[in-house]
Structures are given as C-alpha cells and as structure tokens.
Amino acid sequence: MMLHGLLLAASLSATDGFNLSQSCPPSFELTADNQCKLVTRYDLYDSLQNKGVGGTQTALPPRRDGFSPQQIDLGRYLFFDPLLSGNHQQACASCHQPARGFADGKALSAGVNGALGTRSAPGLWNVGFLRRLFWDASAGSLEEQALIPMQAEHEMANTPAQLLADLQANAHYPALFRQAFNTERIALPQVATALAAFQSSLVSLNSRYDHYAHGYHQALNEQEIKGMNVFRSFVARCAECHTPPLFTNQQIAVIGTPEPDGMPFDAGAGAKPGWEKLRGGFKVPTLRNIALTAPYMHSGRFASLEQATEFYSKGRGHAVPAGEDLLLHWHIWEPKLTAEEVQQITAFLGSLTDQSLLPQTPQRLPSGLALPKEITTNTHTSGATE
C-alpha cells in the first residue's frame, strides 16, 4: 500500500493538471475496493429480457462494470485523443461523436486520410450490456472491440508498437497509466481496459420512455403511446427483436436490407467460417437514442426513421438482390403498416432519446494534440477532473 501511495503521489505531481477522477460517473456507486458499480431502477425487476416481447418493467441483462474511476477517466482521455491513430489525426470519437449518439451521421464512416469504410459507425450507448460488438458480431468483448479499429487500415491505421511508443514517450500518459493501473510500463491490455472502462460508463436509461416504464405514464403523449403499442404488437413485431429495456435481443438477424447504390453485397456475419447460414446477417442494434444516429442500417441505406420502418412493410425479401438466397429471419414478414402506424412508431422511437449522462469532452488532451474537428464540445459534466 505504501508503494502504491508513493507511485500515486508521483503521478499526481507529474501530470500537470491531468489528474484522473477519483469519483464514479453518475449512476455508478463507488465500492470500498475502488470499483464503480452501476445502479439503475431496472435492478428492481426480475423478469428476463429474453422472455416474450419484453414488458415495460423488464430486468436488464448482465453488464460490464467494476472498473475504477481512474480507469474510466483515463479511457475518456484516450477515446478523444488522436494520438491513438497512425497519423495522429483520428480519434475514437471521430466516428463516435457524443452529439450524434456516439455515431457520426454518415452512411459510411471515414478513417485516416479520408479512407471510406464499408459500414456505418454504430452508436455506443449501453455497450456495456452487449455480449458481442460490431455490426457482424465479430468482437466478443469491449476490450477486443477497442483495439480492432486502431489497427484497421481504413480506420485508425495504427500498430501496437507505434501506439505504445507514442503513449510511453508522452509527457503525461505514463503518469496517468500509473494512476489507473499502478504500473511503470504501458501495455496494450491496459489501453484496451481503459477504453472498455470508459465505454461501459456510457449508460442511457433515463429517457421519457423509461419514466413511463417506471410508472409515470404522463411522460409519453398519446401519439407515442399508440406507437409503443404498435411497436409491441404481434402485427408489427418490432419488440421481438428490439426487446426492452435495451431495445435489442442481441441476436444476429438476416433481414435483407438493401445496399446503397454501387455498393457490393455485404455478407455480414455470414463471412465468418461456420456462420454461412447468417449470410447477410447483422447484429440487431439497440434503438436507444436512435433519433440521433441517422442514417440507418449497417450501410446507412435509409436517411430517416420513417424509411427504416417502412422497409419492413414492403414485403418479405423484397430488397434481396438477384442471385442471393438468404435465410431471412422469421420475424421479417409483411405487417402492412399504414402510414399512420409508421408515424406512430417513429414518434415512439423519439421517446428513447436520453443523453443525460453524456460524459464531459476534454477541453485539452494529454497528448497536446487538438480535438478532432468533428467533435463538438458539450457542457455536460461527468464528475471528471480536467
């Protein structure tokens, strides 16, 4: 304990104002062993998310928490810092912008030097509850997910050797890693853990829908309640895949979404050996903060929620390209929703917006680099010390 105290004291004196928070983000409680544990009203319920279509008072699945405040705060700095990219111009937050629901508002995300990817950037709210990450469900943990974009040529185009060398040579990061991990040398697993810790703190469970679910029925207007009823009905069947309270069942679904004009067919999860039956399949995304993350689907094919909702009413398999024999998910059929019902569902989806726990965007970064131009600084606070 004495050695840890000396290391921490040395870290604090060497960081020149970059002292990591000793408090947990809002909605997290600090335990005696310096872990942040999430507390939500959904913890009061014991019904399981994967039973039926999910009632309004349905328990959450297991979550990732238990990181220290220092690890979460270090991950926050790393998330916004372009030092993590090969050209020092691209941060995680370049494609996962807080103001856009931690997406980027583009059909296809752009990486270093404007390199265009093949899919849209998924939002990050509530990723601490998800069992698998990425559109094709190819990552099995937040730590694995955090490192893959950094090494992808069309994303951050970095290497582990350059990343660790840049962090170790920096004037501030070694001391910050000592605060978070009590270590003298920065290692790749620590980078992944810090980023996972920060992402696990991105919790959105305080929307007007949540107020309604917990008993305050005046939180939704008449149009939104009608939309919720259509959403949960056995006509639309939206809730069978987008199951409350996360509004995803965390499964891979083959729905036959069309690709943008000129784009080749994306096999999705079906590209993985042994998963051929899931050709054209993608992870069912959460609908939390969906009103902030247009355009929609894995390739940003639909510009609005109305268009995305209408897709399901146009007939089973209507957009599957010639030559593709996909095993479409059995929930995808022909609900034949009316224009009024589409508008009602869209209105309900707007009630899932909640960024009340938006973390604070750093005003300056340990690297000394500028924040990526895509990021708009917000005024929300997370209890972190700048």
Protein backbone atom coordinates (compact mmCIF):
# COMPACT_ATOMS: atom_id res chain seq x y z
CA MET A 1 0.00 0.00 0.00
CA MET A 2 2.90 2.38 0.79
CA LEU A 3 4.44 1.76 -2.66
CA HIS A 4 1.10 2.38 -4.34
CA GLY A 5 0.75 5.63 -2.41
CA LEU A 6 4.21 6.79 -3.46
CA LEU A 7 3.53 5.93 -7.10
CA LEU A 8 0.20 7.73 -6.98
CA ALA A 9 1.76 10.81 -5.38
CA ALA A 10 4.47 10.87 -8.05
CA SER A 11 1.81 10.52 -10.73
CA LEU A 12 -0.21 13.39 -9.37
CA SER A 13 2.78 15.72 -9.30
CA ALA A 14 3.87 14.78 -12.82
CA THR A 15 0.59 15.11 -14.70
CA ASP A 16 0.47 18.93 -14.81
CA GLY A 17 -3.26 19.15 -14.21
CA PHE A 18 -4.22 15.83 -15.79
CA ASN A 19 -5.34 14.20 -12.56
CA LEU A 20 -7.75 11.33 -13.06
CA SER A 21 -11.10 11.41 -11.34
CA GLN A 22 -11.48 9.63 -8.03
CA SER A 23 -15.28 9.64 -8.35
CA CYS A 24 -17.50 7.37 -10.38
CA PRO A 25 -19.68 8.73 -13.20
CA PRO A 26 -23.34 9.46 -12.34
CA SER A 27 -25.47 6.32 -11.78
CA PHE A 28 -22.39 4.42 -10.58
CA GLU A 29 -21.59 3.79 -6.92
CA LEU A 30 -18.02 3.62 -5.65
CA THR A 31 -17.31 0.48 -3.63
CA ALA A 32 -14.83 0.09 -0.81
CA ASP A 33 -12.37 -1.56 -3.21
CA ASN A 34 -12.46 1.40 -5.66
CA GLN A 35 -14.83 -0.11 -8.21
CA CYS A 36 -17.70 1.68 -9.95
CA LYS A 37 -20.92 -0.36 -9.86
CA LEU A 38 -23.92 0.65 -11.95
CA VAL A 39 -27.22 1.18 -10.13
CA THR A 40 -30.49 1.53 -12.09
CA ARG A 41 -34.19 1.29 -11.35
CA TYR A 42 -34.33 -1.71 -13.67
CA ASP A 43 -32.41 -3.61 -10.98
CA LEU A 44 -35.69 -3.75 -9.06
CA TYR A 45 -37.24 -6.05 -11.68
CA ASP A 46 -36.62 -9.77 -12.03
CA SER A 47 -38.31 -10.69 -15.32
CA LEU A 48 -35.84 -11.64 -18.02
CA GLN A 49 -35.24 -9.58 -21.15
CA ASN A 50 -35.34 -12.58 -23.49
CA LYS A 51 -38.80 -13.76 -22.50
CA GLY A 52 -41.58 -12.80 -24.92
CA VAL A 53 -41.55 -9.27 -26.30
CA GLY A 54 -40.40 -7.67 -23.09
CA GLY A 55 -42.68 -5.82 -20.70
CA THR A 56 -42.08 -2.26 -19.64
CA GLN A 57 -40.72 -3.44 -16.29
CA THR A 58 -38.17 -5.96 -17.53
CA ALA A 59 -34.77 -6.59 -15.98
CA LEU A 60 -31.54 -5.73 -17.73
CA PRO A 61 -29.07 -8.43 -18.80
CA PRO A 62 -25.67 -8.70 -17.07
CA ARG A 63 -23.50 -5.64 -17.53
CA ARG A 64 -19.80 -4.80 -17.56
CA ASP A 65 -18.88 -2.63 -14.63
CA GLY A 66 -16.43 -2.80 -11.73
CA PHE A 67 -13.77 -0.59 -13.30
CA SER A 68 -12.07 2.04 -11.16
CA PRO A 69 -12.85 5.76 -11.54
CA GLN A 70 -9.28 6.30 -12.70
CA GLN A 71 -9.56 3.64 -15.43
CA ILE A 72 -12.83 5.14 -16.67
CA ASP A 73 -11.37 8.64 -16.76
CA LEU A 74 -8.16 7.52 -18.47
CA GLY A 75 -10.32 5.79 -21.08
CA ARG A 76 -12.17 9.06 -21.60
CA TYR A 77 -8.95 10.87 -22.47
CA LEU A 78 -7.82 8.05 -24.76
CA PHE A 79 -11.21 7.93 -26.50
CA PHE A 80 -10.93 11.58 -27.57
CA ASP A 81 -7.19 11.61 -28.29
CA PRO A 82 -5.93 11.44 -31.92
CA LEU A 83 -2.62 10.11 -30.56
CA LEU A 84 -4.19 6.64 -30.88
CA SER A 85 -4.24 6.82 -34.68
CA GLY A 86 -1.34 6.26 -37.03
CA ASN A 87 -1.38 9.81 -38.39
CA HIS A 88 -2.38 11.44 -35.07
CA GLN A 89 -5.49 12.95 -36.64
CA GLN A 90 -8.19 10.36 -35.96
CA ALA A 91 -9.66 9.58 -32.53
CA CYS A 92 -12.23 7.00 -31.48
CA ALA A 93 -14.56 9.97 -31.03
CA SER A 94 -14.10 10.98 -34.69
CA CYS A 95 -16.55 8.24 -35.67
CA HIS A 96 -18.33 8.03 -32.31
CA GLN A 97 -19.30 11.63 -31.64
CA PRO A 98 -21.17 12.38 -28.40
CA ALA A 99 -23.52 14.88 -30.02
CA ARG A 100 -24.62 12.26 -32.57
CA GLY A 101 -25.46 9.46 -30.19
CA PHE A 102 -21.84 8.27 -30.40
CA ALA A 103 -22.24 7.66 -34.15
CA ASP A 104 -21.05 10.08 -36.85
CA GLY A 105 -24.05 10.93 -39.02
CA LYS A 106 -22.53 9.29 -42.10
CA ALA A 107 -23.72 6.34 -44.15
CA LEU A 108 -20.15 5.03 -44.33
CA SER A 109 -17.53 6.13 -41.84
CA ALA A 110 -14.27 7.68 -42.98
CA GLY A 111 -10.90 6.81 -41.45
CA VAL A 112 -7.37 8.18 -41.76
CA ASN A 113 -6.74 10.33 -44.83
CA GLY A 114 -10.44 10.13 -45.68
CA ALA A 115 -10.39 6.38 -46.33
CA LEU A 116 -14.01 5.25 -46.69
CA GLY A 117 -15.20 2.21 -44.77
CA THR A 118 -17.89 -0.25 -45.77
CA ARG A 119 -20.31 0.22 -42.87
CA SER A 120 -21.76 2.94 -40.69
CA ALA A 121 -20.46 3.64 -37.21
CA PRO A 122 -22.78 2.08 -34.60
CA GLY A 123 -23.71 4.12 -31.55
CA LEU A 124 -22.07 3.22 -28.25
CA TRP A 125 -24.77 3.89 -25.68
CA ASN A 126 -25.25 0.89 -23.35
CA VAL A 127 -22.48 -1.18 -24.99
CA GLY A 128 -21.56 -2.41 -21.52
CA PHE A 129 -24.62 -4.67 -21.70
CA LEU A 130 -23.83 -6.20 -25.09
CA ARG A 131 -22.40 -9.70 -25.47
CA ARG A 132 -20.96 -9.11 -28.94
CA LEU A 133 -19.82 -5.96 -30.73
CA PHE A 134 -19.60 -4.65 -34.31
CA TRP A 135 -22.30 -4.98 -36.94
CA ASP A 136 -21.14 -8.52 -37.77
CA ALA A 137 -20.82 -9.51 -34.08
CA SER A 138 -17.15 -10.32 -34.66
CA ALA A 139 -15.89 -8.99 -31.30
CA GLY A 140 -16.68 -10.80 -28.08
CA SER A 141 -15.68 -8.12 -25.57
CA LEU A 142 -15.30 -4.38 -25.18
CA GLU A 143 -11.55 -4.85 -24.93
CA GLU A 144 -11.37 -6.72 -28.24
CA GLN A 145 -13.63 -4.18 -29.89
CA ALA A 146 -11.49 -1.27 -28.67
CA LEU A 147 -8.28 -2.46 -30.32
CA ILE A 148 -9.55 -3.59 -33.73
CA PRO A 149 -10.36 -0.13 -35.21
CA MET A 150 -6.96 1.19 -34.15
CA GLN A 151 -5.22 -1.36 -36.37
CA ALA A 152 -7.67 -1.35 -39.29
CA GLU A 153 -6.16 0.29 -42.38
CA HIS A 154 -9.36 2.12 -43.31
CA GLU A 155 -9.97 3.33 -39.75
CA MET A 156 -7.14 4.47 -37.44
CA ALA A 157 -4.30 2.65 -39.25
CA ASN A 158 -2.01 2.30 -36.24
CA THR A 159 0.19 -0.53 -34.99
CA PRO A 160 0.59 -1.76 -31.39
CA ALA A 161 4.28 -0.86 -31.47
CA GLN A 162 3.66 2.74 -32.56
CA LEU A 163 0.72 3.15 -30.19
CA LEU A 164 2.71 2.04 -27.14
CA ALA A 165 5.77 4.03 -28.17
CA ASP A 166 3.69 7.21 -28.58
CA LEU A 167 1.98 6.77 -25.23
CA GLN A 168 5.19 5.90 -23.37
CA ALA A 169 7.05 8.88 -24.86
CA ASN A 170 4.29 11.31 -23.98
CA ALA A 171 4.85 13.76 -21.14
CA HIS A 172 1.64 12.83 -19.30
CA TYR A 173 0.29 9.39 -20.22
CA PRO A 174 2.84 7.25 -18.28
CA ALA A 175 1.85 9.01 -15.05
CA LEU A 176 -1.85 8.67 -15.87
CA PHE A 177 -1.45 4.94 -16.52
CA ARG A 178 0.31 4.67 -13.15
CA GLN A 179 -2.71 6.28 -11.52
CA ALA A 180 -5.09 3.90 -13.25
CA PHE A 181 -3.09 0.66 -13.19
CA ASN A 182 -0.21 1.12 -10.72
CA THR A 183 2.30 0.12 -13.38
CA GLU A 184 5.59 1.54 -14.64
CA ARG A 185 5.24 0.44 -18.27
CA ILE A 186 2.21 0.94 -20.52
CA ALA A 187 0.93 -2.30 -22.09
CA LEU A 188 -1.67 -2.91 -24.79
CA PRO A 189 -4.14 -4.73 -22.47
CA GLN A 190 -4.18 -1.64 -20.25
CA VAL A 191 -5.11 0.55 -23.21
CA ALA A 192 -7.94 -1.86 -24.06
CA THR A 193 -9.11 -1.99 -20.44
CA ALA A 194 -9.21 1.80 -20.11
CA LEU A 195 -11.22 2.19 -23.32
CA ALA A 196 -13.56 -0.62 -22.23
CA ALA A 197 -13.98 1.07 -18.84
CA PHE A 198 -14.98 4.38 -20.43
CA GLN A 199 -17.38 2.75 -22.88
CA SER A 200 -19.01 0.76 -20.08
CA SER A 201 -19.90 4.08 -18.45
CA LEU A 202 -21.97 5.22 -21.44
CA VAL A 203 -25.37 4.42 -19.95
CA SER A 204 -28.66 5.72 -21.33
CA LEU A 205 -31.65 4.53 -19.29
CA ASN A 206 -33.36 7.80 -18.33
CA SER A 207 -35.46 8.63 -21.39
CA ARG A 208 -39.10 9.64 -21.32
CA TYR A 209 -39.87 6.02 -22.20
CA ASP A 210 -38.05 4.92 -19.03
CA HIS A 211 -40.08 7.35 -16.95
CA TYR A 212 -43.21 5.79 -18.45
CA ALA A 213 -41.91 2.27 -17.83
CA HIS A 214 -41.27 3.05 -14.17
CA GLY A 215 -44.82 4.27 -13.67
CA TYR A 216 -45.02 7.92 -14.75
CA HIS A 217 -47.41 7.46 -17.67
CA GLN A 218 -47.69 11.18 -18.39
CA ALA A 219 -44.11 11.01 -19.74
CA LEU A 220 -45.41 9.89 -23.16
CA ASN A 221 -48.03 11.66 -25.24
CA GLU A 222 -50.94 9.92 -26.94
CA GLN A 223 -49.14 9.51 -30.28
CA GLU A 224 -46.10 7.95 -28.61
CA ILE A 225 -48.22 5.53 -26.57
CA LYS A 226 -50.02 4.44 -29.73
CA GLY A 227 -46.63 3.95 -31.36
CA MET A 228 -45.40 1.88 -28.43
CA ASN A 229 -48.48 -0.34 -28.69
CA VAL A 230 -47.94 -0.88 -32.42
CA PHE A 231 -44.23 -1.49 -31.79
CA ARG A 232 -45.04 -4.22 -29.25
CA SER A 233 -47.96 -5.70 -31.19
CA PHE A 234 -47.98 -9.06 -32.98
CA VAL A 235 -48.68 -7.16 -36.19
CA ALA A 236 -45.51 -5.06 -36.32
CA ARG A 237 -43.50 -7.40 -34.03
CA CYS A 238 -40.73 -4.82 -33.61
CA ALA A 239 -40.22 -5.69 -29.94
CA GLU A 240 -39.46 -9.34 -30.70
CA CYS A 241 -36.01 -8.26 -31.92
CA HIS A 242 -35.77 -4.79 -30.37
CA THR A 243 -36.69 -6.04 -26.93
CA PRO A 244 -37.00 -3.63 -23.99
CA PRO A 245 -35.32 -2.35 -21.96
CA LEU A 246 -32.18 -2.38 -24.15
CA PHE A 247 -34.31 -2.48 -27.31
CA THR A 248 -32.18 -5.25 -28.77
CA ASN A 249 -32.30 -9.01 -28.26
CA GLN A 250 -28.55 -9.10 -29.03
CA GLN A 251 -29.05 -11.66 -31.81
CA ILE A 252 -27.90 -11.67 -35.42
CA ALA A 253 -30.77 -11.26 -37.88
CA VAL A 254 -30.88 -11.68 -41.67
CA ILE A 255 -33.43 -9.13 -42.85
CA GLY A 256 -32.40 -8.45 -46.44
CA THR A 257 -31.50 -4.78 -46.08
CA PRO A 258 -30.53 -3.29 -49.46
CA GLU A 259 -27.04 -1.93 -50.01
CA PRO A 260 -26.55 1.65 -51.23
CA ASP A 261 -26.35 2.06 -54.99
CA GLY A 262 -22.99 0.89 -56.28
CA MET A 263 -22.03 -0.97 -53.11
CA PRO A 264 -21.35 -4.74 -53.32
CA PHE A 265 -23.41 -7.15 -51.21
CA ASP A 266 -22.18 -7.31 -47.61
CA ALA A 267 -22.21 -10.86 -46.22
CA GLY A 268 -22.08 -9.53 -42.66
CA ALA A 269 -21.80 -12.24 -40.01
CA GLY A 270 -22.06 -14.86 -42.77
CA ALA A 271 -18.49 -14.11 -43.86
CA LYS A 272 -17.18 -15.91 -40.77
CA PRO A 273 -16.34 -19.61 -41.38
CA GLY A 274 -19.08 -21.77 -39.94
CA TRP A 275 -21.60 -18.93 -39.94
CA GLU A 276 -22.58 -19.24 -43.62
CA LYS A 277 -26.27 -19.55 -42.74
CA LEU A 278 -26.06 -16.00 -41.42
CA ARG A 279 -25.07 -14.59 -44.82
CA GLY A 280 -26.40 -11.04 -44.97
CA GLY A 281 -26.95 -11.09 -41.21
CA PHE A 282 -26.13 -8.27 -38.81
CA LYS A 283 -26.43 -7.72 -35.10
CA VAL A 284 -29.79 -6.28 -34.06
CA PRO A 285 -28.88 -2.73 -32.98
CA THR A 286 -30.25 -1.01 -29.93
CA LEU A 287 -32.85 1.65 -30.62
CA ARG A 288 -31.73 3.78 -27.69
CA ASN A 289 -31.00 7.33 -28.93
CA ILE A 290 -31.91 6.13 -32.43
CA ALA A 291 -33.30 9.56 -33.33
CA LEU A 292 -29.73 10.92 -33.09
CA THR A 293 -27.94 8.35 -35.24
CA ALA A 294 -29.30 8.70 -38.79
CA PRO A 295 -28.73 7.33 -41.39
CA TYR A 296 -29.83 3.80 -40.56
CA MET A 297 -28.91 0.14 -41.11
CA HIS A 298 -25.39 -1.28 -41.40
CA SER A 299 -24.68 0.72 -44.54
CA GLY A 300 -26.68 3.84 -43.78
CA ARG A 301 -29.14 2.93 -46.53
CA PHE A 302 -32.11 4.79 -45.02
CA ALA A 303 -31.97 8.50 -44.28
CA SER A 304 -34.89 8.62 -41.82
CA LEU A 305 -36.68 6.53 -39.24
CA GLU A 306 -39.77 6.59 -41.42
CA GLN A 307 -37.86 4.98 -44.29
CA ALA A 308 -36.31 2.38 -42.00
CA THR A 309 -39.72 1.50 -40.56
CA GLU A 310 -41.38 1.36 -43.99
CA PHE A 311 -38.75 -1.16 -45.15
CA TYR A 312 -40.40 -3.83 -43.00
CA SER A 313 -43.81 -3.23 -44.61
CA LYS A 314 -42.75 -3.71 -48.22
CA GLY A 315 -42.82 -7.49 -48.26
CA ARG A 316 -40.57 -10.28 -47.09
CA GLY A 317 -37.30 -10.30 -49.01
CA HIS A 318 -38.33 -7.53 -51.37
CA ALA A 319 -34.83 -5.98 -51.35
CA VAL A 320 -32.74 -9.16 -51.59
CA PRO A 321 -30.55 -8.85 -54.71
CA ALA A 322 -30.80 -11.33 -57.55
CA GLY A 323 -28.67 -14.41 -57.02
CA GLU A 324 -28.79 -14.24 -53.23
CA ASP A 325 -30.76 -16.96 -51.41
CA LEU A 326 -30.80 -15.62 -47.88
CA LEU A 327 -32.29 -17.35 -44.84
CA LEU A 328 -34.40 -14.41 -43.75
CA HIS A 329 -35.29 -14.09 -40.09
CA TRP A 330 -38.75 -15.50 -39.47
CA HIS A 331 -39.92 -12.25 -37.82
CA ILE A 332 -39.40 -10.43 -41.12
CA TRP A 333 -42.72 -10.75 -42.92
CA GLU A 334 -45.39 -8.35 -44.20
CA PRO A 335 -47.06 -6.36 -41.42
CA LYS A 336 -48.51 -3.93 -43.98
CA LEU A 337 -48.30 -0.99 -41.62
CA THR A 338 -50.34 2.05 -42.50
CA ALA A 339 -48.73 5.44 -42.97
CA GLU A 340 -50.30 6.49 -39.66
CA GLU A 341 -48.80 3.48 -37.86
CA VAL A 342 -45.37 4.23 -39.30
CA GLN A 343 -45.64 7.78 -37.96
CA GLN A 344 -46.75 6.49 -34.58
CA ILE A 345 -43.79 4.09 -34.33
CA THR A 346 -41.44 6.89 -35.35
CA ALA A 347 -42.90 9.15 -32.66
CA PHE A 348 -42.39 6.42 -30.06
CA LEU A 349 -38.77 5.89 -31.10
CA GLY A 350 -38.15 9.57 -30.36
CA SER A 351 -39.09 8.94 -26.74
CA LEU A 352 -35.99 6.70 -26.38
CA THR A 353 -33.64 9.69 -26.57
CA ASP A 354 -31.61 10.27 -23.42
CA GLN A 355 -28.16 11.79 -23.15
CA SER A 356 -28.46 12.94 -19.55
CA LEU A 357 -25.26 11.04 -18.63
CA LEU A 358 -23.24 12.36 -21.56
CA PRO A 359 -19.59 12.40 -20.45
CA GLN A 360 -17.55 15.55 -20.50
CA THR A 361 -15.49 16.16 -23.61
CA PRO A 362 -11.92 17.05 -22.52
CA GLN A 363 -11.02 20.67 -23.11
CA ARG A 364 -7.42 19.62 -23.67
CA LEU A 365 -5.68 16.30 -24.16
CA PRO A 366 -2.60 14.77 -22.53
CA SER A 367 -1.01 14.38 -25.97
CA GLY A 368 -1.19 18.12 -26.60
CA LEU A 369 -3.00 17.41 -29.88
CA ALA A 370 -6.17 19.22 -30.85
CA LEU A 371 -9.52 17.53 -30.54
CA PRO A 372 -10.71 16.17 -33.91
CA LYS A 373 -12.70 18.81 -35.75
CA GLU A 374 -15.74 16.52 -35.91
CA ILE A 375 -16.28 16.73 -32.17
CA THR A 376 -18.48 19.43 -30.72
CA THR A 377 -17.61 20.25 -27.13
CA ASN A 378 -20.66 19.90 -24.87
CA THR A 379 -21.39 21.40 -21.49
CA HIS A 380 -22.34 18.19 -19.68
CA THR A 381 -20.18 17.07 -16.79
CA SER A 382 -19.23 13.59 -15.63
CA GLY A 383 -17.51 14.43 -12.36
CA ALA A 384 -14.10 14.05 -14.03
CA THR A 385 -11.33 16.49 -13.26
CA GLU A 386 -9.88 18.46 -16.14
